Amino acid sequence: MCAQAHSNSNLPTFILLGIPGLEAQHIWISILFCAAYAIALLGNCFILFLIKTERSLHTPMYYFLSMLALYDIGLSLTTLPTILSIFWFNSQEINFDACLVQMFFLQTFSLMESSVLLAMAFDRFIAICNPLRYASILTNSTIAKIGVAIVVRIVALEIPLTLLLKRLPFCKSNSLSHSFCFHPDIMKLACADTRINSIYGLFAVLSTTGIDSVFIFLSYMAIMKTVLNIARQEERLKAFNTCVPHICAVLIFYILIIGLSVVHRLGKNVPLVIYSLVGNICFLSPPVLNPVIYCIKTKQIQRAVVKIFITTRQDQR
């Protein structure tokens, strides 16, 4: 029976979850999700537009921010089809191959975001701790190499994870715990030994978000040491304020990832509604909040927005 469930002619179909207990309110809930996706997509596209058109933003810090915005857009577009199809059309079925594709891109963009946050921490470290060599270290070619390395690193880790999952037979319940396909969620439905999948999945997480978080922490320890050694308080605050948006983005990303991991570790002790809400919040909040934080907390972006607004008003006259 297990072998038949995963034969080429009869691949399993999974059932995605909306918000348990609130099925009658799905249409109304979809309004909140549509608003969140609109903010995420428009906000990150606006960040990309600003960085492309405003020459004062053509610096390493904003090149890394543009990478973050690109991955946030990818993350939003990955979950949008299944979430809105559930809330709008009550379409909860997804075939096995489509589920694997969504899982691959969901986890790829999420881990790429972690890598970019590390690159942004390195950028702040060089800018504050070694400002005289900032321009010579973070050249355009170096930034491009970092971007390519991030993509290669994550894709190389995620392809084996997807292939390992594809070899498993599925003959248990086909109901997932989220509105999208997530590796630990799919793996629990397999009717075979999943130790290899679990070990490799843990390795993939530790070698990306685990290592990234450690180096981000070490970078900020060095930054704090340098900032505290600055004599003038005004210069200290100026140096630290350049890090505030990035610190907020890091905290949002890692707190939500840790929360989702805890929920999955607790397993049966967690109500399905918590599974669903935590999962949706985890993968939707960073794309929504990151552009908002950077627009509110970054003076250079505010100046660029004002400049575009003034130019537009002058052109209209």
C-alpha atoms as a PDB file:
ATOM      1  CA  MET A   1       0.000   0.000   0.000  1.00  0.00           C
ATOM      2  CA  CYS A   2       2.824   2.402   0.842  1.00  0.00           C
ATOM      3  CA  ALA A   3       4.611   1.719  -2.397  1.00  0.00           C
ATOM      4  CA  GLN A   4       1.417   2.358  -4.354  1.00  0.00           C
ATOM      5  CA  ALA A   5       0.880   5.623  -2.522  1.00  0.00           C
ATOM      6  CA  HIS A   6       4.131   6.944  -3.941  1.00  0.00           C
ATOM      7  CA  SER A   7       4.213   5.310  -7.342  1.00  0.00           C
ATOM      8  CA  ASN A   8       4.687   7.537 -10.373  1.00  0.00           C
ATOM      9  CA  SER A   9       1.074   6.985 -11.447  1.00  0.00           C
ATOM     10  CA  ASN A  10      -0.461   7.701  -8.052  1.00  0.00           C
ATOM     11  CA  LEU A  11       1.436  10.405  -6.212  1.00  0.00           C
ATOM     12  CA  PRO A  12      -0.146  11.504  -2.929  1.00  0.00           C
ATOM     13  CA  THR A  13      -2.326  14.594  -2.684  1.00  0.00           C
ATOM     14  CA  PHE A  14      -2.021  16.677   0.474  1.00  0.00           C
ATOM     15  CA  ILE A  15      -4.697  18.713   2.214  1.00  0.00           C
ATOM     16  CA  LEU A  16      -3.591  22.158   3.360  1.00  0.00           C
ATOM     17  CA  LEU A  17      -5.035  23.752   6.475  1.00  0.00           C
ATOM     18  CA  GLY A  18      -6.740  27.115   6.792  1.00  0.00           C
ATOM     19  CA  ILE A  19      -7.477  28.336  10.312  1.00  0.00           C
ATOM     20  CA  PRO A  20      -9.256  25.550  12.229  1.00  0.00           C
ATOM     21  CA  GLY A  21     -12.497  26.623  13.864  1.00  0.00           C
ATOM     22  CA  LEU A  22     -12.751  29.788  11.797  1.00  0.00           C
ATOM     23  CA  GLU A  23     -13.686  28.279   8.422  1.00  0.00           C
ATOM     24  CA  ALA A  24     -16.905  30.344   8.276  1.00  0.00           C
ATOM     25  CA  GLN A  25     -14.845  33.541   8.613  1.00  0.00           C
ATOM     26  CA  HIS A  26     -12.248  32.653   5.963  1.00  0.00           C
ATOM     27  CA  ILE A  27     -13.517  35.308   3.529  1.00  0.00           C
ATOM     28  CA  TRP A  28     -13.178  38.028   6.158  1.00  0.00           C
ATOM     29  CA  ILE A  29      -9.791  36.725   7.293  1.00  0.00           C
ATOM     30  CA  SER A  30      -8.649  36.803   3.666  1.00  0.00           C
ATOM     31  CA  ILE A  31      -8.993  40.607   3.744  1.00  0.00           C
ATOM     32  CA  LEU A  32      -6.237  40.758   6.384  1.00  0.00           C
ATOM     33  CA  PHE A  33      -4.031  38.430   4.351  1.00  0.00           C
ATOM     34  CA  CYS A  34      -4.629  40.434   1.160  1.00  0.00           C
ATOM     35  CA  ALA A  35      -3.668  43.627   2.989  1.00  0.00           C
ATOM     36  CA  ALA A  36      -0.520  41.950   4.366  1.00  0.00           C
ATOM     37  CA  TYR A  37       0.511  40.639   0.938  1.00  0.00           C
ATOM     38  CA  ALA A  38      -0.153  44.046  -0.630  1.00  0.00           C
ATOM     39  CA  ILE A  39       2.069  45.754   1.955  1.00  0.00           C
ATOM     40  CA  ALA A  40       4.773  43.105   1.515  1.00  0.00           C
ATOM     41  CA  LEU A  41       4.849  43.211  -2.291  1.00  0.00           C
ATOM     42  CA  LEU A  42       4.356  46.951  -2.752  1.00  0.00           C
ATOM     43  CA  GLY A  43       6.691  47.831   0.132  1.00  0.00           C
ATOM     44  CA  ASN A  44       9.559  45.676  -1.100  1.00  0.00           C
ATOM     45  CA  CYS A  45       9.058  46.736  -4.728  1.00  0.00           C
ATOM     46  CA  PHE A  46       9.157  50.344  -3.540  1.00  0.00           C
ATOM     47  CA  ILE A  47      12.438  49.675  -1.706  1.00  0.00           C
ATOM     48  CA  LEU A  48      13.906  48.211  -4.912  1.00  0.00           C
ATOM     49  CA  PHE A  49      12.648  51.184  -6.926  1.00  0.00           C
ATOM     50  CA  LEU A  50      14.182  53.674  -4.487  1.00  0.00           C
ATOM     51  CA  ILE A  51      17.554  51.935  -4.465  1.00  0.00           C
ATOM     52  CA  LYS A  52      17.618  51.698  -8.265  1.00  0.00           C
ATOM     53  CA  THR A  53      16.645  55.320  -8.944  1.00  0.00           C
ATOM     54  CA  GLU A  54      18.333  57.210  -6.096  1.00  0.00           C
ATOM     55  CA  ARG A  55      22.108  57.454  -6.548  1.00  0.00           C
ATOM     56  CA  SER A  56      22.707  58.292  -2.881  1.00  0.00           C
ATOM     57  CA  LEU A  57      21.485  54.767  -2.071  1.00  0.00           C
ATOM     58  CA  HIS A  58      24.042  53.092  -4.352  1.00  0.00           C
ATOM     59  CA  THR A  59      26.106  51.846  -1.407  1.00  0.00           C
ATOM     60  CA  PRO A  60      26.812  48.334  -0.043  1.00  0.00           C
ATOM     61  CA  MET A  61      24.270  48.679   2.774  1.00  0.00           C
ATOM     62  CA  TYR A  62      21.431  49.325   0.323  1.00  0.00           C
ATOM     63  CA  TYR A  63      22.610  46.733  -2.181  1.00  0.00           C
ATOM     64  CA  PHE A  64      22.226  44.158   0.585  1.00  0.00           C
ATOM     65  CA  LEU A  65      18.846  45.672   1.458  1.00  0.00           C
ATOM     66  CA  SER A  66      17.775  45.197  -2.168  1.00  0.00           C
ATOM     67  CA  MET A  67      18.721  41.499  -1.879  1.00  0.00           C
ATOM     68  CA  LEU A  68      16.615  41.253   1.278  1.00  0.00           C
ATOM     69  CA  ALA A  69      13.688  42.890  -0.526  1.00  0.00           C
ATOM     70  CA  LEU A  70      14.027  40.463  -3.474  1.00  0.00           C
ATOM     71  CA  TYR A  71      13.966  37.430  -1.181  1.00  0.00           C
ATOM     72  CA  ASP A  72      11.011  38.871   0.743  1.00  0.00           C
ATOM     73  CA  ILE A  73       9.109  39.251  -2.527  1.00  0.00           C
ATOM     74  CA  GLY A  74       9.983  35.643  -3.434  1.00  0.00           C
ATOM     75  CA  LEU A  75       8.867  34.427   0.001  1.00  0.00           C
ATOM     76  CA  SER A  76       5.542  36.262  -0.303  1.00  0.00           C
ATOM     77  CA  LEU A  77       4.832  34.972  -3.813  1.00  0.00           C
ATOM     78  CA  THR A  78       5.622  31.413  -2.702  1.00  0.00           C
ATOM     79  CA  THR A  79       2.905  31.248  -0.023  1.00  0.00           C
ATOM     80  CA  LEU A  80       0.358  33.598  -1.641  1.00  0.00           C
ATOM     81  CA  PRO A  81      -1.262  31.111  -4.113  1.00  0.00           C
ATOM     82  CA  THR A  82      -2.114  28.396  -1.595  1.00  0.00           C
ATOM     83  CA  ILE A  83      -3.127  30.720   1.257  1.00  0.00           C
ATOM     84  CA  LEU A  84      -5.497  32.806  -0.850  1.00  0.00           C
ATOM     85  CA  SER A  85      -6.910  29.761  -2.658  1.00  0.00           C
ATOM     86  CA  ILE A  86      -7.828  28.294   0.741  1.00  0.00           C
ATOM     87  CA  PHE A  87      -9.478  31.462   2.054  1.00  0.00           C
ATOM     88  CA  TRP A  88     -11.162  32.497  -1.213  1.00  0.00           C
ATOM     89  CA  PHE A  89     -12.131  29.220  -2.863  1.00  0.00           C
ATOM     90  CA  ASN A  90     -11.765  26.632  -0.062  1.00  0.00           C
ATOM     91  CA  SER A  91      -9.301  24.850  -2.380  1.00  0.00           C
ATOM     92  CA  GLN A  92      -7.132  22.877   0.021  1.00  0.00           C
ATOM     93  CA  GLU A  93      -5.704  20.114  -2.168  1.00  0.00           C
ATOM     94  CA  ILE A  94      -2.164  20.226  -3.543  1.00  0.00           C
ATOM     95  CA  ASN A  95      -0.424  17.415  -5.397  1.00  0.00           C
ATOM     96  CA  PHE A  96       2.874  15.983  -4.244  1.00  0.00           C
ATOM     97  CA  ASP A  97       5.154  17.580  -6.861  1.00  0.00           C
ATOM     98  CA  ALA A  98       3.572  21.027  -6.473  1.00  0.00           C
ATOM     99  CA  CYS A  99       3.955  20.676  -2.708  1.00  0.00           C
ATOM    100  CA  LEU A 100       7.660  19.870  -3.051  1.00  0.00           C
ATOM    101  CA  VAL A 101       8.192  22.853  -5.369  1.00  0.00           C
ATOM    102  CA  GLN A 102       6.501  25.187  -2.900  1.00  0.00           C
ATOM    103  CA  MET A 103       8.490  23.710  -0.004  1.00  0.00           C
ATOM    104  CA  PHE A 104      11.759  24.144  -1.913  1.00  0.00           C
ATOM    105  CA  PHE A 105      11.171  27.821  -2.698  1.00  0.00           C
ATOM    106  CA  LEU A 106       9.689  28.593   0.718  1.00  0.00           C
ATOM    107  CA  GLN A 107      12.706  27.261   2.585  1.00  0.00           C
ATOM    108  CA  THR A 108      15.191  28.545  -0.009  1.00  0.00           C
ATOM    109  CA  PHE A 109      13.985  32.150   0.209  1.00  0.00           C
ATOM    110  CA  SER A 110      13.731  31.930   3.999  1.00  0.00           C
ATOM    111  CA  LEU A 111      17.307  30.661   4.401  1.00  0.00           C
ATOM    112  CA  MET A 112      18.568  33.181   1.840  1.00  0.00           C
ATOM    113  CA  GLU A 113      17.050  35.891   4.020  1.00  0.00           C
ATOM    114  CA  SER A 114      19.088  34.582   6.956  1.00  0.00           C
ATOM    115  CA  SER A 115      22.249  34.719   4.830  1.00  0.00           C
ATOM    116  CA  VAL A 116      21.536  38.285   3.707  1.00  0.00           C
ATOM    117  CA  LEU A 117      20.999  39.340   7.325  1.00  0.00           C
ATOM    118  CA  LEU A 118      24.473  37.959   8.041  1.00  0.00           C
ATOM    119  CA  ALA A 119      25.900  39.892   5.064  1.00  0.00           C
ATOM    120  CA  MET A 120      24.214  43.052   6.361  1.00  0.00           C
ATOM    121  CA  ALA A 121      25.737  42.456   9.809  1.00  0.00           C
ATOM    122  CA  PHE A 122      29.160  42.163   8.145  1.00  0.00           C
ATOM    123  CA  ASP A 123      28.458  45.424   6.305  1.00  0.00           C
ATOM    124  CA  ARG A 124      27.671  47.231   9.591  1.00  0.00           C
ATOM    125  CA  PHE A 125      30.734  45.645  11.228  1.00  0.00           C
ATOM    126  CA  ILE A 126      33.078  46.984   8.523  1.00  0.00           C
ATOM    127  CA  ALA A 127      31.356  50.387   8.395  1.00  0.00           C
ATOM    128  CA  ILE A 128      31.700  50.963  12.149  1.00  0.00           C
ATOM    129  CA  CYS A 129      34.796  48.993  13.140  1.00  0.00           C
ATOM    130  CA  ASN A 130      36.943  49.647  10.058  1.00  0.00           C
ATOM    131  CA  PRO A 131      35.418  52.631   8.218  1.00  0.00           C
ATOM    132  CA  LEU A 132      38.608  53.626   6.381  1.00  0.00           C
ATOM    133  CA  ARG A 133      38.658  50.309   4.499  1.00  0.00           C
ATOM    134  CA  TYR A 134      34.875  50.110   3.978  1.00  0.00           C
ATOM    135  CA  ALA A 135      34.892  51.112   0.319  1.00  0.00           C
ATOM    136  CA  SER A 136      37.912  48.942  -0.520  1.00  0.00           C
ATOM    137  CA  ILE A 137      36.515  45.824   1.189  1.00  0.00           C
ATOM    138  CA  LEU A 138      32.870  45.985   0.061  1.00  0.00           C
ATOM    139  CA  THR A 139      33.362  46.706  -3.628  1.00  0.00           C
ATOM    140  CA  ASN A 140      30.617  46.055  -6.169  1.00  0.00           C
ATOM    141  CA  SER A 141      32.334  42.850  -7.300  1.00  0.00           C
ATOM    142  CA  THR A 142      32.611  41.619  -3.703  1.00  0.00           C
ATOM    143  CA  ILE A 143      28.914  42.286  -3.104  1.00  0.00           C
ATOM    144  CA  ALA A 144      28.039  40.433  -6.322  1.00  0.00           C
ATOM    145  CA  LYS A 145      30.172  37.456  -5.227  1.00  0.00           C
ATOM    146  CA  ILE A 146      28.457  37.432  -1.822  1.00  0.00           C
ATOM    147  CA  GLY A 147      25.069  37.421  -3.566  1.00  0.00           C
ATOM    148  CA  VAL A 148      26.048  34.511  -5.815  1.00  0.00           C
ATOM    149  CA  ALA A 149      27.542  32.613  -2.854  1.00  0.00           C
ATOM    150  CA  ILE A 150      24.282  32.998  -0.905  1.00  0.00           C
ATOM    151  CA  VAL A 151      22.214  31.562  -3.763  1.00  0.00           C
ATOM    152  CA  VAL A 152      24.619  28.667  -4.465  1.00  0.00           C
ATOM    153  CA  ARG A 153      24.976  27.807  -0.771  1.00  0.00           C
ATOM    154  CA  ILE A 154      21.235  27.613  -0.077  1.00  0.00           C
ATOM    155  CA  VAL A 155      20.189  25.915  -3.316  1.00  0.00           C
ATOM    156  CA  ALA A 156      22.936  23.296  -2.878  1.00  0.00           C
ATOM    157  CA  LEU A 157      21.583  22.493   0.594  1.00  0.00           C
ATOM    158  CA  GLU A 158      17.890  22.497  -0.348  1.00  0.00           C
ATOM    159  CA  ILE A 159      18.065  20.257  -3.443  1.00  0.00           C
ATOM    160  CA  PRO A 160      19.153  17.123  -1.474  1.00  0.00           C
ATOM    161  CA  LEU A 161      16.499  17.877   1.169  1.00  0.00           C
ATOM    162  CA  THR A 162      13.815  17.866  -1.525  1.00  0.00           C
ATOM    163  CA  LEU A 163      15.154  14.711  -3.195  1.00  0.00           C
ATOM    164  CA  LEU A 164      15.316  12.865   0.140  1.00  0.00           C
ATOM    165  CA  LEU A 165      11.679  13.724   0.750  1.00  0.00           C
ATOM    166  CA  LYS A 166      10.671  12.636  -2.754  1.00  0.00           C
ATOM    167  CA  ARG A 167      11.918   9.071  -2.162  1.00  0.00           C
ATOM    168  CA  LEU A 168       9.614   8.533   0.857  1.00  0.00           C
ATOM    169  CA  PRO A 169       6.344   6.603   0.613  1.00  0.00           C
ATOM    170  CA  PHE A 170       3.226   8.240   2.077  1.00  0.00           C
ATOM    171  CA  CYS A 171       0.338   6.124   3.332  1.00  0.00           C
ATOM    172  CA  LYS A 172      -0.706   7.937   6.517  1.00  0.00           C
ATOM    173  CA  SER A 173      -3.055  10.904   6.856  1.00  0.00           C
ATOM    174  CA  ASN A 174      -2.556  13.421   4.054  1.00  0.00           C
ATOM    175  CA  SER A 175      -3.569  16.468   6.126  1.00  0.00           C
ATOM    176  CA  LEU A 176      -0.841  19.069   6.642  1.00  0.00           C
ATOM    177  CA  SER A 177      -0.767  21.527   9.542  1.00  0.00           C
ATOM    178  CA  HIS A 178      -0.185  24.732   7.569  1.00  0.00           C
ATOM    179  CA  SER A 179      -1.554  26.664   4.601  1.00  0.00           C
ATOM    180  CA  PHE A 180       1.642  25.818   2.711  1.00  0.00           C
ATOM    181  CA  CYS A 181       4.070  22.908   2.372  1.00  0.00           C
ATOM    182  CA  PHE A 182       6.780  22.827   5.040  1.00  0.00           C
ATOM    183  CA  HIS A 183       9.465  20.120   5.320  1.00  0.00           C
ATOM    184  CA  PRO A 184       8.894  18.911   8.944  1.00  0.00           C
ATOM    185  CA  ASP A 185       5.143  18.919   8.324  1.00  0.00           C
ATOM    186  CA  ILE A 186       5.380  16.723   5.204  1.00  0.00           C
ATOM    187  CA  MET A 187       7.984  14.410   6.732  1.00  0.00           C
ATOM    188  CA  LYS A 188       5.661  13.479   9.629  1.00  0.00           C
ATOM    189  CA  LEU A 189       3.193  11.942   7.149  1.00  0.00           C
ATOM    190  CA  ALA A 190       5.711   9.441   5.706  1.00  0.00           C
ATOM    191  CA  CYS A 191       5.277   5.763   6.498  1.00  0.00           C
ATOM    192  CA  ALA A 192       9.007   4.965   6.368  1.00  0.00           C
ATOM    193  CA  ASP A 193      12.149   5.632   8.358  1.00  0.00           C
ATOM    194  CA  THR A 194      12.791   9.391   8.194  1.00  0.00           C
ATOM    195  CA  ARG A 195      15.976   9.546  10.280  1.00  0.00           C
ATOM    196  CA  ILE A 196      18.127  10.496   7.278  1.00  0.00           C
ATOM    197  CA  ASN A 197      15.687  13.280   6.403  1.00  0.00           C
ATOM    198  CA  SER A 198      15.672  14.523  10.002  1.00  0.00           C
ATOM    199  CA  ILE A 199      19.465  14.466  10.298  1.00  0.00           C
ATOM    200  CA  TYR A 200      20.002  16.221   6.982  1.00  0.00           C
ATOM    201  CA  GLY A 201      17.236  18.730   7.736  1.00  0.00           C
ATOM    202  CA  LEU A 202      18.892  19.541  11.069  1.00  0.00           C
ATOM    203  CA  PHE A 203      22.268  19.848   9.324  1.00  0.00           C
ATOM    204  CA  ALA A 204      20.781  22.237   6.737  1.00  0.00           C
ATOM    205  CA  VAL A 205      19.265  24.446   9.449  1.00  0.00           C
ATOM    206  CA  LEU A 206      22.381  24.480  11.662  1.00  0.00           C
ATOM    207  CA  SER A 207      24.722  25.183   8.732  1.00  0.00           C
ATOM    208  CA  THR A 208      22.603  28.163   7.646  1.00  0.00           C
ATOM    209  CA  THR A 209      20.502  29.908  10.292  1.00  0.00           C
ATOM    210  CA  GLY A 210      22.558  28.369  13.104  1.00  0.00           C
ATOM    211  CA  ILE A 211      25.936  29.587  11.808  1.00  0.00           C
ATOM    212  CA  ASP A 212      24.428  32.861  10.552  1.00  0.00           C
ATOM    213  CA  SER A 213      22.967  33.715  13.961  1.00  0.00           C
ATOM    214  CA  VAL A 214      26.289  33.037  15.717  1.00  0.00           C
ATOM    215  CA  PHE A 215      28.242  35.305  13.351  1.00  0.00           C
ATOM    216  CA  ILE A 216      25.578  38.015  13.534  1.00  0.00           C
ATOM    217  CA  PHE A 217      25.871  37.922  17.337  1.00  0.00           C
ATOM    218  CA  LEU A 218      29.687  38.100  17.186  1.00  0.00           C
ATOM    219  CA  SER A 219      29.509  40.992  14.707  1.00  0.00           C
ATOM    220  CA  TYR A 220      27.320  42.985  17.051  1.00  0.00           C
ATOM    221  CA  MET A 221      29.537  42.234  20.024  1.00  0.00           C
ATOM    222  CA  ALA A 222      32.437  43.790  18.079  1.00  0.00           C
ATOM    223  CA  ILE A 223      30.215  46.677  16.963  1.00  0.00           C
ATOM    224  CA  MET A 224      29.089  47.376  20.549  1.00  0.00           C
ATOM    225  CA  LYS A 225      32.693  47.346  21.744  1.00  0.00           C
ATOM    226  CA  THR A 226      33.685  49.860  19.056  1.00  0.00           C
ATOM    227  CA  VAL A 227      30.657  52.093  19.644  1.00  0.00           C
ATOM    228  CA  LEU A 228      31.252  52.223  23.414  1.00  0.00           C
ATOM    229  CA  ASN A 229      34.847  53.324  22.786  1.00  0.00           C
ATOM    230  CA  ILE A 230      33.688  56.371  20.840  1.00  0.00           C
ATOM    231  CA  ALA A 231      34.235  59.428  23.007  1.00  0.00           C
ATOM    232  CA  ARG A 232      31.323  61.635  21.939  1.00  0.00           C
ATOM    233  CA  GLN A 233      27.835  60.454  22.823  1.00  0.00           C
ATOM    234  CA  GLU A 234      26.365  62.053  19.704  1.00  0.00           C
ATOM    235  CA  GLU A 235      28.673  60.010  17.476  1.00  0.00           C
ATOM    236  CA  ARG A 236      27.862  56.859  19.457  1.00  0.00           C
ATOM    237  CA  LEU A 237      24.138  57.335  18.859  1.00  0.00           C
ATOM    238  CA  LYS A 238      24.720  58.082  15.178  1.00  0.00           C
ATOM    239  CA  ALA A 239      26.765  54.897  14.742  1.00  0.00           C
ATOM    240  CA  PHE A 240      24.299  52.760  16.663  1.00  0.00           C
ATOM    241  CA  ASN A 241      21.253  54.208  14.841  1.00  0.00           C
ATOM    242  CA  THR A 242      22.587  52.880  11.532  1.00  0.00           C
ATOM    243  CA  CYS A 243      22.235  49.375  13.015  1.00  0.00           C
ATOM    244  CA  VAL A 244      18.721  49.705  14.469  1.00  0.00           C
ATOM    245  CA  PRO A 245      16.734  48.677  11.327  1.00  0.00           C
ATOM    246  CA  HIS A 246      18.980  45.647  10.829  1.00  0.00           C
ATOM    247  CA  ILE A 247      18.699  44.613  14.490  1.00  0.00           C
ATOM    248  CA  CYS A 248      14.893  44.812  14.214  1.00  0.00           C
ATOM    249  CA  ALA A 249      14.919  42.683  11.031  1.00  0.00           C
ATOM    250  CA  VAL A 250      17.198  40.096  12.701  1.00  0.00           C
ATOM    251  CA  LEU A 251      15.029  39.865  15.830  1.00  0.00           C
ATOM    252  CA  ILE A 252      11.813  39.492  13.823  1.00  0.00           C
ATOM    253  CA  PHE A 253      13.284  36.766  11.619  1.00  0.00           C
ATOM    254  CA  TYR A 254      14.966  34.665  14.315  1.00  0.00           C
ATOM    255  CA  ILE A 255      12.265  34.994  16.986  1.00  0.00           C
ATOM    256  CA  LEU A 256       9.640  33.791  14.494  1.00  0.00           C
ATOM    257  CA  ILE A 257      11.835  30.935  13.212  1.00  0.00           C
ATOM    258  CA  ILE A 258      12.534  29.793  16.783  1.00  0.00           C
ATOM    259  CA  GLY A 259       8.819  30.028  17.584  1.00  0.00           C
ATOM    260  CA  LEU A 260       7.903  27.844  14.608  1.00  0.00           C
ATOM    261  CA  SER A 261      10.583  25.296  15.553  1.00  0.00           C
ATOM    262  CA  VAL A 262       9.293  25.142  19.130  1.00  0.00           C
ATOM    263  CA  VAL A 263       5.729  24.590  17.905  1.00  0.00           C
ATOM    264  CA  HIS A 264       6.851  21.675  15.733  1.00  0.00           C
ATOM    265  CA  ARG A 265       8.944  20.158  18.524  1.00  0.00           C
ATOM    266  CA  LEU A 266       5.975  20.203  20.931  1.00  0.00           C
ATOM    267  CA  GLY A 267       3.954  18.251  18.369  1.00  0.00           C
ATOM    268  CA  LYS A 268       0.659  16.880  19.643  1.00  0.00           C
ATOM    269  CA  ASN A 269       0.588  19.221  22.644  1.00  0.00           C
ATOM    270  CA  VAL A 270      -0.053  22.226  20.383  1.00  0.00           C
ATOM    271  CA  PRO A 271      -3.581  22.911  19.007  1.00  0.00           C
ATOM    272  CA  LEU A 272      -3.844  22.965  15.204  1.00  0.00           C
ATOM    273  CA  VAL A 273      -4.971  26.587  15.259  1.00  0.00           C
ATOM    274  CA  ILE A 274      -1.621  27.553  16.871  1.00  0.00           C
ATOM    275  CA  TYR A 275       0.260  25.573  14.220  1.00  0.00           C
ATOM    276  CA  SER A 276      -1.590  27.454  11.495  1.00  0.00           C
ATOM    277  CA  LEU A 277      -1.275  30.941  12.980  1.00  0.00           C
ATOM    278  CA  VAL A 278       2.419  30.613  13.912  1.00  0.00           C
ATOM    279  CA  GLY A 279       3.284  29.271  10.458  1.00  0.00           C
ATOM    280  CA  ASN A 280       1.479  32.082   8.633  1.00  0.00           C
ATOM    281  CA  ILE A 281       2.947  34.749  10.916  1.00  0.00           C
ATOM    282  CA  CYS A 282       6.451  33.296  10.608  1.00  0.00           C
ATOM    283  CA  PHE A 283       6.668  33.474   6.822  1.00  0.00           C
ATOM    284  CA  LEU A 284       4.522  36.563   6.228  1.00  0.00           C
ATOM    285  CA  SER A 285       5.735  38.961   8.934  1.00  0.00           C
ATOM    286  CA  PRO A 286       9.324  39.586   7.697  1.00  0.00           C
ATOM    287  CA  PRO A 287       8.247  40.583   4.146  1.00  0.00           C
ATOM    288  CA  VAL A 288       5.594  42.889   5.637  1.00  0.00           C
ATOM    289  CA  LEU A 289       7.668  44.467   8.404  1.00  0.00           C
ATOM    290  CA  ASN A 290      11.129  44.782   6.831  1.00  0.00           C
ATOM    291  CA  PRO A 291      10.247  47.550   4.312  1.00  0.00           C
ATOM    292  CA  VAL A 292       8.184  49.359   6.960  1.00  0.00           C
ATOM    293  CA  ILE A 293      11.073  49.283   9.457  1.00  0.00           C
ATOM    294  CA  TYR A 294      13.649  50.489   6.935  1.00  0.00           C
ATOM    295  CA  CYS A 295      11.389  53.290   5.697  1.00  0.00           C
ATOM    296  CA  ILE A 296      10.682  54.488   9.251  1.00  0.00           C
ATOM    297  CA  LYS A 297      14.164  54.054  10.737  1.00  0.00           C
ATOM    298  CA  THR A 298      16.477  54.980   7.839  1.00  0.00           C
ATOM    299  CA  LYS A 299      16.965  58.709   7.183  1.00  0.00           C
ATOM    300  CA  GLN A 300      18.561  58.181   3.757  1.00  0.00           C
ATOM    301  CA  ILE A 301      15.453  56.315   2.560  1.00  0.00           C
ATOM    302  CA  GLN A 302      13.212  59.015   4.021  1.00  0.00           C
ATOM    303  CA  ARG A 303      15.203  61.680   2.170  1.00  0.00           C
ATOM    304  CA  ALA A 304      14.932  59.677  -1.064  1.00  0.00           C
ATOM    305  CA  VAL A 305      11.147  59.401  -0.614  1.00  0.00           C
ATOM    306  CA  VAL A 306      10.843  63.143  -0.001  1.00  0.00           C
ATOM    307  CA  LYS A 307      13.049  63.864  -3.021  1.00  0.00           C
ATOM    308  CA  ILE A 308      10.867  61.713  -5.304  1.00  0.00           C
ATOM    309  CA  PHE A 309       7.724  63.322  -3.902  1.00  0.00           C
ATOM    310  CA  ILE A 310       9.068  66.854  -4.507  1.00  0.00           C
ATOM    311  CA  THR A 311      10.269  65.949  -8.019  1.00  0.00           C
ATOM    312  CA  THR A 312       6.853  64.487  -8.855  1.00  0.00           C
ATOM    313  CA  ARG A 313       5.086  67.624  -7.620  1.00  0.00           C
ATOM    314  CA  GLN A 314       7.392  69.850  -9.675  1.00  0.00           C
ATOM    315  CA  ASP A 315       6.846  67.732 -12.809  1.00  0.00           C
ATOM    316  CA  GLN A 316       3.069  68.001 -12.370  1.00  0.00           C
ATOM    317  CA  ARG A 317       3.320  71.796 -12.287  1.00  0.00           C
END
